Amino acid sequence: MESVCSTAEEPKLRHVEKDILIPKIMKDKAKELCSEQVKDFTKCCKDTGFLMVIKCQKENKLLKECLTGYYSDPAFYEECKAEYLKTREEHRAAQGVPHQEHSTSS
């Protein structure tokens, strides 16, 4: 994923948000968007059992291509980041937590 320089009005993201939480949203959404390939690969695996490594290569390749297409799309990352930020703000508002910048001093 590309690193995007943040502007003054753009909220700062913590390491865990950039490297874990947003990619999890991306993974979940990509699986949903690639549901046909997920379904085909799952069916192949169930039908072939232990031989799935050999017999489901085509389905696995198509699934990987679909998922990788989303994972490497900067626009998709930005869409998922915006979704995360919206959810984060709603959560903070519901808890009555005021927005505050993290300071490095104690």
C-alpha atoms as a PDB file:
ATOM      1  CA  MET A   1       0.000   0.000   0.000  1.00  0.00           C
ATOM      2  CA  GLU A   2       1.210   3.474  -0.767  1.00  0.00           C
ATOM      3  CA  SER A   3       2.034   5.871   2.008  1.00  0.00           C
ATOM      4  CA  VAL A   4       0.136   9.101   1.654  1.00  0.00           C
ATOM      5  CA  CYS A   5       1.437  12.310   3.244  1.00  0.00           C
ATOM      6  CA  SER A   6      -1.125  13.624   5.685  1.00  0.00           C
ATOM      7  CA  THR A   7      -2.353  17.168   5.459  1.00  0.00           C
ATOM      8  CA  ALA A   8      -3.138  19.460   8.376  1.00  0.00           C
ATOM      9  CA  GLU A   9      -6.885  18.749   8.221  1.00  0.00           C
ATOM     10  CA  GLU A  10      -6.428  14.992   7.845  1.00  0.00           C
ATOM     11  CA  PRO A  11      -6.670  13.022  11.128  1.00  0.00           C
ATOM     12  CA  LYS A  12      -3.525  11.287  12.333  1.00  0.00           C
ATOM     13  CA  LEU A  13      -3.582   7.526  12.366  1.00  0.00           C
ATOM     14  CA  ARG A  14      -1.844   5.383  14.938  1.00  0.00           C
ATOM     15  CA  HIS A  15       0.404   2.514  13.849  1.00  0.00           C
ATOM     16  CA  VAL A  16      -2.228  -0.067  14.804  1.00  0.00           C
ATOM     17  CA  GLU A  17      -4.860   1.756  12.760  1.00  0.00           C
ATOM     18  CA  LYS A  18      -2.695   1.972   9.615  1.00  0.00           C
ATOM     19  CA  ASP A  19      -1.172  -1.496   9.815  1.00  0.00           C
ATOM     20  CA  ILE A  20      -3.928  -3.608  11.370  1.00  0.00           C
ATOM     21  CA  LEU A  21      -7.384  -2.060  11.589  1.00  0.00           C
ATOM     22  CA  ILE A  22      -7.665  -0.505   8.112  1.00  0.00           C
ATOM     23  CA  PRO A  23      -6.119  -3.568   6.376  1.00  0.00           C
ATOM     24  CA  LYS A  24      -8.671  -5.738   8.230  1.00  0.00           C
ATOM     25  CA  ILE A  25     -11.488  -3.638   6.767  1.00  0.00           C
ATOM     26  CA  MET A  26      -9.850  -3.976   3.351  1.00  0.00           C
ATOM     27  CA  LYS A  27      -9.611  -7.756   3.742  1.00  0.00           C
ATOM     28  CA  ASP A  28     -13.240  -8.097   4.809  1.00  0.00           C
ATOM     29  CA  LYS A  29     -14.535  -5.864   2.006  1.00  0.00           C
ATOM     30  CA  ALA A  30     -12.326  -7.535  -0.616  1.00  0.00           C
ATOM     31  CA  LYS A  31     -13.591 -10.973   0.434  1.00  0.00           C
ATOM     32  CA  GLU A  32     -17.129  -9.682   0.007  1.00  0.00           C
ATOM     33  CA  LEU A  33     -16.338  -8.148  -3.388  1.00  0.00           C
ATOM     34  CA  CYS A  34     -14.592 -11.374  -4.479  1.00  0.00           C
ATOM     35  CA  SER A  35     -17.380 -13.551  -3.091  1.00  0.00           C
ATOM     36  CA  GLU A  36     -17.780 -15.493  -6.343  1.00  0.00           C
ATOM     37  CA  GLN A  37     -14.099 -16.517  -6.329  1.00  0.00           C
ATOM     38  CA  VAL A  38     -14.258 -17.310  -2.594  1.00  0.00           C
ATOM     39  CA  LYS A  39     -17.313 -19.497  -3.228  1.00  0.00           C
ATOM     40  CA  ASP A  40     -15.646 -21.316  -6.145  1.00  0.00           C
ATOM     41  CA  PHE A  41     -12.426 -21.948  -4.191  1.00  0.00           C
ATOM     42  CA  THR A  42     -14.332 -23.129  -1.096  1.00  0.00           C
ATOM     43  CA  LYS A  43     -16.466 -25.499  -3.175  1.00  0.00           C
ATOM     44  CA  CYS A  44     -13.391 -26.898  -4.908  1.00  0.00           C
ATOM     45  CA  CYS A  45     -11.658 -27.491  -1.568  1.00  0.00           C
ATOM     46  CA  LYS A  46     -14.693 -29.222  -0.078  1.00  0.00           C
ATOM     47  CA  ASP A  47     -15.146 -31.402  -3.162  1.00  0.00           C
ATOM     48  CA  THR A  48     -11.509 -32.529  -3.446  1.00  0.00           C
ATOM     49  CA  GLY A  49     -10.402 -32.922   0.180  1.00  0.00           C
ATOM     50  CA  PHE A  50      -6.673 -33.599   0.592  1.00  0.00           C
ATOM     51  CA  LEU A  51      -5.960 -33.085  -3.110  1.00  0.00           C
ATOM     52  CA  MET A  52      -7.104 -29.457  -2.984  1.00  0.00           C
ATOM     53  CA  VAL A  53      -3.499 -28.187  -3.206  1.00  0.00           C
ATOM     54  CA  ILE A  54      -3.213 -29.736  -6.657  1.00  0.00           C
ATOM     55  CA  LYS A  55      -6.786 -29.685  -7.955  1.00  0.00           C
ATOM     56  CA  CYS A  56      -7.805 -26.158  -6.875  1.00  0.00           C
ATOM     57  CA  GLN A  57      -4.857 -24.215  -8.279  1.00  0.00           C
ATOM     58  CA  LYS A  58      -6.998 -22.434 -10.874  1.00  0.00           C
ATOM     59  CA  GLU A  59      -9.602 -21.325  -8.305  1.00  0.00           C
ATOM     60  CA  ASN A  60      -6.858 -20.294  -5.865  1.00  0.00           C
ATOM     61  CA  LYS A  61      -5.119 -18.227  -8.556  1.00  0.00           C
ATOM     62  CA  LEU A  62      -8.352 -16.435  -9.501  1.00  0.00           C
ATOM     63  CA  LEU A  63      -9.119 -15.712  -5.836  1.00  0.00           C
ATOM     64  CA  LYS A  64      -5.611 -14.349  -5.188  1.00  0.00           C
ATOM     65  CA  GLU A  65      -5.785 -12.144  -8.300  1.00  0.00           C
ATOM     66  CA  CYS A  66      -9.125 -10.703  -7.225  1.00  0.00           C
ATOM     67  CA  LEU A  67      -8.022 -10.015  -3.641  1.00  0.00           C
ATOM     68  CA  THR A  68      -4.626  -8.615  -4.657  1.00  0.00           C
ATOM     69  CA  GLY A  69      -6.317  -6.262  -7.095  1.00  0.00           C
ATOM     70  CA  TYR A  70      -8.203  -4.673  -4.206  1.00  0.00           C
ATOM     71  CA  TYR A  71      -5.304  -4.774  -1.725  1.00  0.00           C
ATOM     72  CA  SER A  72      -3.023  -2.889  -4.131  1.00  0.00           C
ATOM     73  CA  ASP A  73      -5.583  -0.253  -5.151  1.00  0.00           C
ATOM     74  CA  PRO A  74      -4.826   3.110  -3.450  1.00  0.00           C
ATOM     75  CA  ALA A  75      -8.416   4.286  -4.013  1.00  0.00           C
ATOM     76  CA  PHE A  76      -9.732   1.176  -2.235  1.00  0.00           C
ATOM     77  CA  TYR A  77      -7.357   1.877   0.691  1.00  0.00           C
ATOM     78  CA  GLU A  78      -8.634   5.458   0.919  1.00  0.00           C
ATOM     79  CA  GLU A  79     -12.243   4.231   0.818  1.00  0.00           C
ATOM     80  CA  CYS A  80     -11.585   1.791   3.665  1.00  0.00           C
ATOM     81  CA  LYS A  81      -9.646   4.433   5.615  1.00  0.00           C
ATOM     82  CA  ALA A  82     -12.575   6.848   5.301  1.00  0.00           C
ATOM     83  CA  GLU A  83     -14.941   4.110   6.501  1.00  0.00           C
ATOM     84  CA  TYR A  84     -12.670   3.426   9.484  1.00  0.00           C
ATOM     85  CA  LEU A  85     -12.392   7.129  10.379  1.00  0.00           C
ATOM     86  CA  LYS A  86     -16.176   7.552  10.202  1.00  0.00           C
ATOM     87  CA  THR A  87     -16.680   4.556  12.492  1.00  0.00           C
ATOM     88  CA  ARG A  88     -13.991   5.831  14.870  1.00  0.00           C
ATOM     89  CA  GLU A  89     -15.622   9.257  15.104  1.00  0.00           C
ATOM     90  CA  GLU A  90     -19.081   7.739  15.670  1.00  0.00           C
ATOM     91  CA  HIS A  91     -17.656   5.540  18.405  1.00  0.00           C
ATOM     92  CA  ARG A  92     -15.919   8.480  20.086  1.00  0.00           C
ATOM     93  CA  ALA A  93     -19.060  10.624  19.848  1.00  0.00           C
ATOM     94  CA  ALA A  94     -21.178   7.846  21.371  1.00  0.00           C
ATOM     95  CA  GLN A  95     -18.770   7.592  24.293  1.00  0.00           C
ATOM     96  CA  GLY A  96     -18.583  11.355  24.708  1.00  0.00           C
ATOM     97  CA  VAL A  97     -14.836  11.356  24.110  1.00  0.00           C
ATOM     98  CA  PRO A  98     -13.648  14.723  22.827  1.00  0.00           C
ATOM     99  CA  HIS A  99     -11.282  14.649  19.865  1.00  0.00           C
ATOM    100  CA  GLN A 100      -7.747  15.240  21.094  1.00  0.00           C
ATOM    101  CA  GLU A 101      -4.302  15.105  19.571  1.00  0.00           C
ATOM    102  CA  HIS A 102      -1.829  12.692  21.099  1.00  0.00           C
ATOM    103  CA  SER A 103       1.065  14.441  22.747  1.00  0.00           C
ATOM    104  CA  THR A 104       4.511  12.965  23.248  1.00  0.00           C
ATOM    105  CA  SER A 105       4.996  14.505  26.695  1.00  0.00           C
ATOM    106  CA  SER A 106       3.660  12.963  29.896  1.00  0.00           C
END
